[in-house]
Amino acid sequence: MDSQQVQDAESEGNERSNASEVSEADARFPTEQLFFLALCRIAEPVALTSVFPYAYDMMKWFGGDVGENAGFYSGVLMAAFSLAETLTSFMWGALSDRIGRKPVLILGCAGTMLSMLVIGFSPNIYLAILGRAIGGGLNGNIGVVQTMVGELITNPKHEPPLLDGTVEETSYGTDSTAIGPATKNPDLKLSEKLTFKIWNPIIAVCILTSHTLNYIQLLPIFLQTPRDTTVPKYYLGGIGGLGYPLYKTGQVMGIGGIISLGVQSLLFPPCTEYFGVIPTFAVVTVLHPLAYFAVSYLAFIPEGIWRTIALYSWITIRTIFSVFPYPLLLIFVKRATPTDSMLGTVNGIVASSGALFRTFSPPAAGYLQTLGERAISHHEFSPVP
């Protein structure tokens, strides 16, 4: 064997060794990276929803016209975050494609901290709204985190089979990689790439996030509103609540978050694998409105263990109907994304469009809540024994 053959053999051996190292690196699940990404991702819903349990009481504390219309102004407070997020999410998504994911991620976390401090020290509604706007305007973490998850999950073994076992998605609950062959064409304009096939699931995501936010906003009000014993049981919906104190309302919301985590991690993967994406999505979408209709009748259950069981049973069922559709819709968005180079941009559009819907839905829900309370208070009913 001459020296050239020896060199070729050594070179081939080195290539195999390098390939083996790369293969081993890909085989490892990026636990540490995903853990820190999860912490960053949690910051956005914490900033968005942490004020929900006490927003109504906060408006009452401000007093004046704000206190008299607490339902409406609490909705305005919620909307400030989403409005600012609407105006900036697309920019953060596109910026992350240019300067990298980490700088945008760090800035989003810093904006969340600043927002919470401003809201905590707000003496009036104007400063509180400013704090919410800061949190929404500087928060571009939604699309960036989803994109980073898709970039980290490169091993097909880590991709759960979600489409009836025929297609393996690249990390459920994220819309960060495109399914199918990449059809990159840099000559196409952005408007030509964003076809109706992409906008259809994006609009569905917007509707889902809109009415889900309305639920999160109105549930604390329902929990704290005193029970009205003058409403007959046959009355459609009733007007009273459960009469819970603020601390117990916070407990219910916290337990609801734990239930949501369990549903997402324990129920969602096996259900979608067994029934398939489309059948699961169809069932939960059709049944979701029934959960909203049933909640008001919890007030007619006498206080005690049965009301508690009914409340948390209802929260579990509604959580299933709410948690399941979101990652499924993001899968549909992911499948419709034509090129890998558009991932950050599409994620930004999803976040921005959803924030736009969340901007108008809380004030509208709060206003309807106020109108309903005023209108129904003029009716008189015989006391319920």
Protein backbone atom coordinates (compact mmCIF):
# COMPACT_ATOMS: atom_id res chain seq x y z
CA MET A 1 0.00 0.00 0.00
CA ASP A 2 1.61 3.28 -1.13
CA SER A 3 1.53 6.56 0.81
CA GLN A 4 -1.37 7.95 -1.27
CA GLN A 5 -3.60 5.01 -0.35
CA VAL A 6 -2.68 5.44 3.31
CA GLN A 7 -3.64 9.13 3.18
CA ASP A 8 -6.93 8.30 1.47
CA ALA A 9 -7.74 5.70 4.11
CA GLU A 10 -6.94 8.13 6.92
CA SER A 11 -9.05 10.84 5.28
CA GLU A 12 -11.98 8.46 4.90
CA GLY A 13 -11.61 7.42 8.53
CA ASN A 14 -11.64 11.04 9.68
CA GLU A 15 -14.76 11.76 7.65
CA ARG A 16 -16.53 8.77 9.19
CA SER A 17 -15.45 9.92 12.66
CA ASN A 18 -16.74 13.45 12.04
CA ALA A 19 -20.00 12.11 10.65
CA SER A 20 -20.36 9.90 13.71
CA GLU A 21 -19.81 12.89 16.01
CA VAL A 22 -22.41 14.94 14.12
CA SER A 23 -24.84 12.03 14.24
CA GLU A 24 -24.37 11.67 17.99
CA ALA A 25 -24.85 15.42 18.46
CA ASP A 26 -28.08 15.32 16.47
CA ALA A 27 -29.29 12.33 18.45
CA ARG A 28 -29.12 14.25 21.74
CA PHE A 29 -32.29 16.06 22.74
CA PRO A 30 -31.54 19.78 23.36
CA THR A 31 -32.98 19.75 26.87
CA GLU A 32 -30.95 22.63 28.27
CA GLN A 33 -31.60 24.95 25.34
CA LEU A 34 -35.32 24.18 25.29
CA PHE A 35 -35.53 24.74 29.06
CA PHE A 36 -34.21 28.29 28.76
CA LEU A 37 -36.40 28.92 25.73
CA ALA A 38 -39.40 27.77 27.76
CA LEU A 39 -38.55 30.29 30.47
CA CYS A 40 -38.38 33.06 27.87
CA ARG A 41 -41.65 31.91 26.31
CA ILE A 42 -43.40 31.89 29.68
CA ALA A 43 -42.54 35.57 30.11
CA GLU A 44 -45.04 36.66 27.44
CA PRO A 45 -48.18 35.00 28.86
CA VAL A 46 -47.12 36.02 32.38
CA ALA A 47 -46.90 39.64 31.27
CA LEU A 48 -50.16 39.36 29.34
CA THR A 49 -52.35 37.53 31.85
CA SER A 50 -50.89 38.22 35.31
CA VAL A 51 -53.05 41.32 35.75
CA PHE A 52 -56.28 39.55 34.82
CA PRO A 53 -57.30 38.40 38.32
CA TYR A 54 -57.01 41.89 39.80
CA ALA A 55 -57.59 44.17 36.80
CA TYR A 56 -61.27 44.65 37.66
CA ASP A 57 -60.47 45.53 41.29
CA MET A 58 -57.63 47.75 40.11
CA MET A 59 -60.05 49.80 38.02
CA LYS A 60 -62.37 50.07 41.02
CA TRP A 61 -59.43 51.30 43.10
CA PHE A 62 -58.64 54.05 40.58
CA GLY A 63 -62.15 55.38 41.25
CA GLY A 64 -64.11 58.03 39.37
CA ASP A 65 -65.45 57.22 35.93
CA VAL A 66 -62.89 54.43 35.65
CA GLY A 67 -64.31 52.72 38.72
CA GLU A 68 -67.89 53.10 37.54
CA ASN A 69 -67.05 51.43 34.23
CA ALA A 70 -64.51 48.96 35.57
CA GLY A 71 -65.44 46.23 33.09
CA PHE A 72 -64.79 48.42 30.07
CA TYR A 73 -61.58 49.99 31.35
CA SER A 74 -60.17 46.64 32.43
CA GLY A 75 -60.67 45.58 28.81
CA VAL A 76 -58.84 48.70 27.64
CA LEU A 77 -55.96 47.81 29.95
CA MET A 78 -55.78 44.34 28.39
CA ALA A 79 -55.96 45.76 24.88
CA ALA A 80 -52.99 48.11 25.36
CA PHE A 81 -50.61 45.14 25.47
CA SER A 82 -52.06 43.53 22.37
CA LEU A 83 -52.21 46.79 20.39
CA ALA A 84 -48.53 47.47 20.98
CA GLU A 85 -47.74 43.85 20.16
CA THR A 86 -49.71 44.14 16.92
CA LEU A 87 -47.62 47.09 15.77
CA THR A 88 -44.26 45.50 16.55
CA SER A 89 -44.46 41.68 16.35
CA PHE A 90 -43.94 41.56 12.60
CA MET A 91 -40.92 43.85 12.96
CA TRP A 92 -39.34 41.65 15.64
CA GLY A 93 -39.87 38.53 13.55
CA ALA A 94 -38.25 40.08 10.49
CA LEU A 95 -35.45 41.59 12.61
CA SER A 96 -34.63 38.20 14.10
CA ASP A 97 -34.04 36.87 10.58
CA ARG A 98 -31.42 39.60 10.08
CA ILE A 99 -29.57 40.13 13.38
CA GLY A 100 -30.25 36.75 15.02
CA ARG A 101 -32.69 35.32 17.53
CA LYS A 102 -30.87 35.93 20.82
CA PRO A 103 -30.74 39.76 20.77
CA VAL A 104 -34.48 39.96 20.08
CA LEU A 105 -35.16 37.36 22.77
CA ILE A 106 -33.16 39.25 25.42
CA LEU A 107 -34.83 42.55 24.55
CA GLY A 108 -38.26 40.95 24.88
CA CYS A 109 -37.48 39.66 28.37
CA ALA A 110 -36.16 43.09 29.41
CA GLY A 111 -39.34 44.73 28.13
CA THR A 112 -41.44 42.30 30.15
CA MET A 113 -39.60 43.18 33.37
CA LEU A 114 -39.94 46.92 32.74
CA SER A 115 -43.63 46.54 31.98
CA MET A 116 -44.39 44.72 35.22
CA LEU A 117 -42.54 47.36 37.27
CA VAL A 118 -44.44 50.24 35.65
CA ILE A 119 -47.83 48.56 36.19
CA GLY A 120 -46.99 47.73 39.80
CA PHE A 121 -46.26 51.36 40.66
CA SER A 122 -49.08 52.89 38.60
CA PRO A 123 -51.18 55.45 40.55
CA ASN A 124 -53.68 55.89 37.69
CA ILE A 125 -54.98 54.14 34.61
CA TYR A 126 -52.83 56.16 32.22
CA LEU A 127 -49.55 54.91 33.65
CA ALA A 128 -50.96 51.39 33.88
CA ILE A 129 -51.85 51.48 30.18
CA LEU A 130 -48.36 52.78 29.40
CA GLY A 131 -46.85 49.86 31.29
CA ARG A 132 -48.95 47.39 29.34
CA ALA A 133 -47.97 49.04 26.06
CA ILE A 134 -44.28 48.79 26.95
CA GLY A 135 -44.64 45.08 27.59
CA GLY A 136 -46.43 44.47 24.30
CA GLY A 137 -44.24 46.74 22.20
CA LEU A 138 -40.93 45.26 23.33
CA ASN A 139 -42.08 41.66 23.29
CA GLY A 140 -41.19 39.76 20.16
CA ASN A 141 -40.58 36.44 21.86
CA ILE A 142 -43.55 34.48 20.52
CA GLY A 143 -42.43 34.02 16.94
CA VAL A 144 -38.73 33.99 17.81
CA VAL A 145 -39.06 31.17 20.35
CA GLN A 146 -41.20 29.12 17.98
CA THR A 147 -38.61 29.54 15.25
CA MET A 148 -35.72 28.62 17.56
CA VAL A 149 -37.50 25.46 18.70
CA GLY A 150 -37.87 24.32 15.10
CA GLU A 151 -34.20 25.07 14.45
CA LEU A 152 -33.08 23.10 17.51
CA ILE A 153 -35.22 20.01 16.84
CA THR A 154 -33.33 18.37 13.97
CA ASN A 155 -33.63 14.69 14.88
CA PRO A 156 -36.73 13.02 13.36
CA LYS A 157 -36.96 10.78 16.45
CA HIS A 158 -37.81 13.86 18.50
CA GLU A 159 -40.62 14.82 16.17
CA PRO A 160 -43.94 13.32 17.36
CA PRO A 161 -46.10 11.68 14.68
CA LEU A 162 -49.17 13.88 14.52
CA LEU A 163 -50.73 13.29 11.14
CA ASP A 164 -52.32 9.86 11.54
CA GLY A 165 -48.85 8.36 11.71
CA THR A 166 -48.14 9.26 8.09
CA VAL A 167 -46.29 12.53 8.53
CA GLU A 168 -44.05 13.45 11.43
CA GLU A 169 -44.34 17.07 12.47
CA THR A 170 -41.23 18.86 13.62
CA SER A 171 -42.18 19.66 17.26
CA TYR A 172 -45.83 19.97 18.10
CA GLY A 173 -47.14 23.36 19.09
CA THR A 174 -44.66 25.32 16.96
CA ASP A 175 -44.98 26.79 13.50
CA SER A 176 -41.31 27.13 12.84
CA THR A 177 -40.48 24.73 9.97
CA ALA A 178 -42.18 24.14 6.66
CA ILE A 179 -43.50 20.71 5.71
CA GLY A 180 -42.62 19.37 2.29
CA PRO A 181 -39.94 20.50 -0.14
CA ALA A 182 -38.67 24.04 0.16
CA THR A 183 -39.66 26.12 -2.86
CA LYS A 184 -37.34 29.02 -2.35
CA ASN A 185 -37.76 31.79 -4.86
CA PRO A 186 -36.18 35.06 -3.74
CA ASP A 187 -37.57 36.84 -6.77
CA LEU A 188 -41.14 36.55 -5.45
CA LYS A 189 -42.51 39.41 -3.38
CA LEU A 190 -43.71 38.74 0.15
CA SER A 191 -47.33 39.35 -0.86
CA GLU A 192 -47.02 36.69 -3.57
CA LYS A 193 -45.61 34.15 -1.10
CA LEU A 194 -48.33 34.72 1.50
CA THR A 195 -51.18 32.97 -0.29
CA PHE A 196 -54.68 32.24 1.00
CA LYS A 197 -53.44 28.81 2.07
CA ILE A 198 -51.32 30.55 4.72
CA TRP A 199 -53.84 33.22 5.71
CA ASN A 200 -56.66 30.74 6.31
CA PRO A 201 -55.11 29.10 9.42
CA ILE A 202 -53.66 32.43 10.54
CA ILE A 203 -57.16 33.94 10.69
CA ALA A 204 -58.36 30.88 12.60
CA VAL A 205 -55.54 31.41 15.13
CA CYS A 206 -56.65 35.03 15.51
CA ILE A 207 -60.25 34.04 16.25
CA LEU A 208 -59.15 31.39 18.74
CA THR A 209 -56.81 33.69 20.65
CA SER A 210 -59.46 36.42 20.65
CA HIS A 211 -62.25 34.50 22.36
CA THR A 212 -59.77 32.67 24.61
CA LEU A 213 -58.52 36.02 25.89
CA ASN A 214 -62.10 37.16 26.46
CA TYR A 215 -62.66 34.08 28.59
CA ILE A 216 -59.52 34.75 30.66
CA GLN A 217 -60.60 38.36 31.12
CA LEU A 218 -64.21 37.67 32.12
CA LEU A 219 -63.68 34.56 34.25
CA PRO A 220 -62.20 36.48 37.24
CA ILE A 221 -65.13 38.90 37.09
CA PHE A 222 -67.57 35.99 37.12
CA LEU A 223 -65.75 34.33 40.02
CA GLN A 224 -65.81 37.51 42.13
CA THR A 225 -69.35 38.66 41.31
CA PRO A 226 -71.78 37.80 44.16
CA ARG A 227 -74.38 35.13 43.47
CA ASP A 228 -77.79 36.56 42.59
CA THR A 229 -80.44 34.47 44.32
CA THR A 230 -83.31 36.31 42.64
CA VAL A 231 -82.70 34.71 39.25
CA PRO A 232 -84.85 31.63 38.50
CA LYS A 233 -83.06 28.47 37.43
CA TYR A 234 -84.81 28.45 34.09
CA TYR A 235 -83.37 31.89 33.22
CA LEU A 236 -80.95 31.53 30.31
CA GLY A 237 -77.52 32.21 31.72
CA GLY A 238 -78.26 34.06 34.94
CA ILE A 239 -76.50 37.22 36.02
CA GLY A 240 -74.72 36.29 39.23
CA GLY A 241 -71.29 34.84 39.91
CA LEU A 242 -69.68 32.63 42.52
CA GLY A 243 -68.79 35.36 45.01
CA TYR A 244 -65.17 34.28 45.48
CA PRO A 245 -62.68 36.63 47.20
CA LEU A 246 -59.69 37.88 45.23
CA TYR A 247 -57.20 35.39 46.69
CA LYS A 248 -59.45 32.44 45.84
CA THR A 249 -59.92 33.78 42.32
CA GLY A 250 -56.15 33.77 41.93
CA GLN A 251 -56.03 30.19 43.17
CA VAL A 252 -58.61 29.08 40.62
CA MET A 253 -56.71 30.78 37.81
CA GLY A 254 -53.43 29.22 38.97
CA ILE A 255 -54.90 25.72 39.18
CA GLY A 256 -56.38 26.30 35.74
CA GLY A 257 -52.86 26.97 34.46
CA ILE A 258 -51.62 23.70 35.97
CA ILE A 259 -54.52 21.87 34.33
CA SER A 260 -53.62 23.48 31.02
CA LEU A 261 -50.03 22.29 31.36
CA GLY A 262 -51.19 18.74 32.05
CA VAL A 263 -53.58 18.75 29.11
CA GLN A 264 -50.88 20.05 26.78
CA SER A 265 -48.20 17.57 27.85
CA LEU A 266 -50.21 14.45 28.74
CA LEU A 267 -53.41 14.44 26.67
CA PHE A 268 -52.58 16.30 23.48
CA PRO A 269 -49.84 14.03 22.03
CA PRO A 270 -51.65 10.68 22.43
CA CYS A 271 -55.01 12.09 21.30
CA THR A 272 -53.65 13.61 18.11
CA GLU A 273 -51.61 10.49 17.40
CA TYR A 274 -54.60 8.17 17.86
CA PHE A 275 -57.40 10.23 16.29
CA GLY A 276 -55.38 12.35 13.89
CA VAL A 277 -55.00 16.10 13.54
CA ILE A 278 -58.07 16.97 11.48
CA PRO A 279 -60.66 14.85 13.40
CA THR A 280 -59.34 16.15 16.73
CA PHE A 281 -59.45 19.73 15.51
CA ALA A 282 -63.00 19.35 14.19
CA VAL A 283 -64.36 17.87 17.43
CA VAL A 284 -62.86 20.42 19.81
CA THR A 285 -63.85 23.31 17.55
CA VAL A 286 -67.50 22.24 17.42
CA LEU A 287 -67.77 21.56 21.16
CA HIS A 288 -65.87 24.64 22.34
CA PRO A 289 -68.90 27.03 22.35
CA LEU A 290 -70.83 24.66 24.63
CA ALA A 291 -68.22 25.16 27.35
CA TYR A 292 -68.75 28.91 27.28
CA PHE A 293 -72.52 28.46 27.44
CA ALA A 294 -72.35 26.16 30.47
CA VAL A 295 -70.15 28.30 32.73
CA SER A 296 -72.87 30.68 33.92
CA TYR A 297 -74.91 27.80 35.35
CA LEU A 298 -72.18 27.07 37.90
CA ALA A 299 -73.68 29.88 39.97
CA PHE A 300 -76.86 27.83 40.50
CA ILE A 301 -74.96 24.99 42.22
CA PRO A 302 -75.07 25.37 46.02
CA GLU A 303 -71.82 26.28 47.73
CA GLY A 304 -69.72 23.33 48.83
CA ILE A 305 -67.78 20.42 47.46
CA TRP A 306 -70.09 19.84 44.49
CA ARG A 307 -69.63 23.38 43.22
CA THR A 308 -65.86 22.99 43.51
CA ILE A 309 -65.97 19.68 41.63
CA ALA A 310 -68.20 21.18 38.94
CA LEU A 311 -65.97 24.25 38.60
CA TYR A 312 -62.73 22.35 38.08
CA SER A 313 -64.41 19.74 35.88
CA TRP A 314 -65.66 22.54 33.67
CA ILE A 315 -62.23 24.20 33.65
CA THR A 316 -60.64 20.91 32.56
CA ILE A 317 -63.13 20.39 29.73
CA ARG A 318 -62.84 23.97 28.51
CA THR A 319 -59.05 23.75 28.70
CA ILE A 320 -59.09 20.71 26.43
CA PHE A 321 -61.24 22.56 23.92
CA SER A 322 -58.94 25.59 24.11
CA VAL A 323 -55.49 23.99 24.27
CA PHE A 324 -55.91 21.42 21.51
CA PRO A 325 -56.79 23.74 18.59
CA TYR A 326 -53.88 26.15 18.98
CA PRO A 327 -50.95 23.80 18.23
CA LEU A 328 -53.03 22.11 15.54
CA LEU A 329 -53.58 25.43 13.81
CA LEU A 330 -49.88 26.20 14.08
CA ILE A 331 -49.19 22.88 12.38
CA PHE A 332 -51.46 23.96 9.52
CA VAL A 333 -49.59 27.27 9.30
CA LYS A 334 -46.29 25.41 9.28
CA ARG A 335 -47.39 23.11 6.47
CA ALA A 336 -48.45 26.09 4.38
CA THR A 337 -45.18 28.02 4.78
CA PRO A 338 -43.46 27.83 1.37
CA THR A 339 -39.80 28.53 2.30
CA ASP A 340 -37.51 28.20 5.30
CA SER A 341 -36.35 31.78 4.80
CA MET A 342 -39.87 33.00 5.64
CA LEU A 343 -40.09 31.27 9.03
CA GLY A 344 -39.37 34.31 11.17
CA THR A 345 -41.57 36.53 9.02
CA VAL A 346 -44.54 34.15 9.09
CA ASN A 347 -44.18 33.70 12.85
CA GLY A 348 -44.19 37.46 13.23
CA ILE A 349 -47.35 37.72 11.13
CA VAL A 350 -49.08 35.09 13.26
CA ALA A 351 -48.14 36.92 16.46
CA SER A 352 -49.03 40.34 15.06
CA SER A 353 -52.37 39.25 13.61
CA GLY A 354 -53.35 37.49 16.82
CA ALA A 355 -52.40 40.56 18.83
CA LEU A 356 -54.56 42.72 16.55
CA PHE A 357 -57.61 40.60 17.35
CA ARG A 358 -56.71 40.63 21.04
CA THR A 359 -56.57 44.41 20.88
CA PHE A 360 -60.26 44.87 20.13
CA SER A 361 -61.79 41.84 21.85
CA PRO A 362 -61.14 42.76 25.53
CA PRO A 363 -62.72 46.26 25.37
CA ALA A 364 -65.65 44.85 23.41
CA ALA A 365 -66.14 42.04 25.93
CA GLY A 366 -65.84 44.45 28.85
CA TYR A 367 -68.31 46.86 27.27
CA LEU A 368 -70.83 44.07 26.63
CA GLN A 369 -70.34 42.89 30.21
CA THR A 370 -71.14 46.38 31.50
CA LEU A 371 -74.18 46.71 29.23
CA GLY A 372 -75.44 43.30 30.29
CA GLU A 373 -75.15 44.12 33.98
CA ARG A 374 -76.97 47.42 33.52
CA ALA A 375 -79.74 45.98 31.35
CA ILE A 376 -80.44 42.89 33.40
CA SER A 377 -80.50 44.84 36.67
CA HIS A 378 -83.83 46.41 35.58
CA HIS A 379 -85.54 43.00 35.55
CA GLU A 380 -87.20 41.65 38.65
CA PHE A 381 -87.42 37.98 39.52
CA SER A 382 -89.00 36.00 42.30
CA PRO A 383 -86.36 34.91 44.82
CA VAL A 384 -84.97 31.43 44.32
CA PRO A 385 -85.41 29.28 47.43
